Protein backbone atom coordinates (compact mmCIF):
# COMPACT_ATOMS: atom_id res chain seq x y z
CA MET A 1 230.64 95.64 166.49
CA GLN A 2 228.89 94.30 163.43
CA THR A 3 228.62 90.43 162.82
CA THR A 4 227.75 88.80 159.69
CA ARG A 5 227.19 85.05 158.39
CA GLU A 6 227.83 84.37 154.73
CA ARG A 7 227.91 81.29 152.52
CA ARG A 8 230.51 81.01 149.55
CA THR A 9 230.29 78.84 146.76
CA LEU A 10 233.55 77.12 145.67
CA ARG A 11 234.37 75.93 142.33
CA SER A 12 233.12 72.35 142.84
CA GLY A 13 229.93 73.89 144.08
CA GLN A 14 230.38 73.38 147.80
CA SER A 15 229.06 75.81 150.24
CA VAL A 16 231.41 76.90 152.86
CA PRO A 17 230.07 79.01 155.95
CA TRP A 18 232.15 82.23 156.78
CA HIS A 19 231.49 84.39 159.36
CA ARG A 20 232.41 88.20 159.18
CA VAL A 21 232.93 90.55 162.36
CA GLN A 22 233.42 94.33 161.74
CA GLY A 23 234.46 96.70 164.67
CA VAL A 24 236.04 100.15 165.05
CA VAL A 25 238.90 100.57 167.20
CA ASP A 26 239.84 103.87 168.46
CA GLY A 27 242.67 105.36 170.95
CA THR A 28 245.14 107.63 171.18
CA GLY A 29 248.78 107.37 169.87
CA CYS A 30 251.02 106.84 172.96
CA ILE A 31 253.61 104.35 172.06
CA GLU A 32 256.44 104.11 169.24
CA TRP A 33 254.81 102.42 166.26
CA LEU A 34 256.55 101.60 163.12
CA GLY A 35 258.99 104.11 163.92
CA VAL A 36 256.38 106.88 164.55
CA LYS A 37 257.14 108.69 167.94
CA PRO A 38 253.97 109.01 170.41
CA SER A 39 252.22 112.03 169.61
CA GLY A 40 248.94 111.82 171.61
CA ALA A 41 246.84 111.73 168.39
CA TYR A 42 243.65 110.17 168.41
CA VAL A 43 243.51 107.11 166.00
CA GLU A 44 240.53 105.45 164.62
CA TRP A 45 240.34 102.23 162.04
CA PHE A 46 237.93 99.86 161.00
CA PRO A 47 239.50 96.13 161.01
CA PHE A 48 237.58 92.95 159.52
CA ALA A 49 237.80 89.29 160.98
CA PHE A 50 236.59 86.59 158.80
CA PHE A 51 236.17 83.31 160.32
CA ARG A 52 235.45 79.71 158.66
CA ILE A 53 233.75 77.12 161.18
CA GLU A 54 234.10 73.17 160.24
CA ASN A 55 231.95 70.73 161.93
CA GLY A 56 231.86 73.12 164.85
CA LEU A 57 235.30 74.22 165.07
CA LEU A 58 237.55 77.01 164.09
CA ALA A 59 238.87 75.80 160.59
CA GLU A 60 240.35 78.95 159.50
CA GLU A 61 240.79 82.75 160.33
CA TRP A 62 241.70 86.04 158.44
CA PHE A 63 242.03 89.30 159.76
CA THR A 64 242.36 92.74 158.29
CA ASP A 65 243.82 95.82 159.50
CA ASP A 66 244.27 99.28 158.05
CA PRO A 67 248.02 100.53 158.98
CA TYR A 68 247.89 103.47 156.50
CA THR A 69 244.73 104.87 157.97
CA ILE A 70 246.44 104.45 161.46
CA LEU A 71 249.70 106.27 160.17
CA ARG A 72 247.38 108.96 158.73
CA CYS A 73 245.47 109.35 161.64
CA LEU A 74 249.39 109.83 163.50
CA GLY A 75 250.21 112.49 161.29
CA VAL A 76 252.51 110.87 158.70
CA LYS A 77 252.18 111.59 155.21
CA GLY A 78 252.17 109.09 152.48
CA PRO A 79 253.61 109.73 148.87
CA ALA A 80 252.13 112.51 146.97
């Protein structure tokens, strides 16, 4: 797991602190997911989370995932 702290500048010039967490998630496909039957295939992907702290409290959060990588690991073929 990797954590970084960044400061983003808004158009008004005000600086806003953001915290980014990046990790790796892995496992075995053992349940049906998005219509894909469990296959026992190994799955690995790299999600991100972004947090904005304001006055010591969580003010905003964003999470990313990568369903295309997960589906590819499960053997689902994408468009040609």
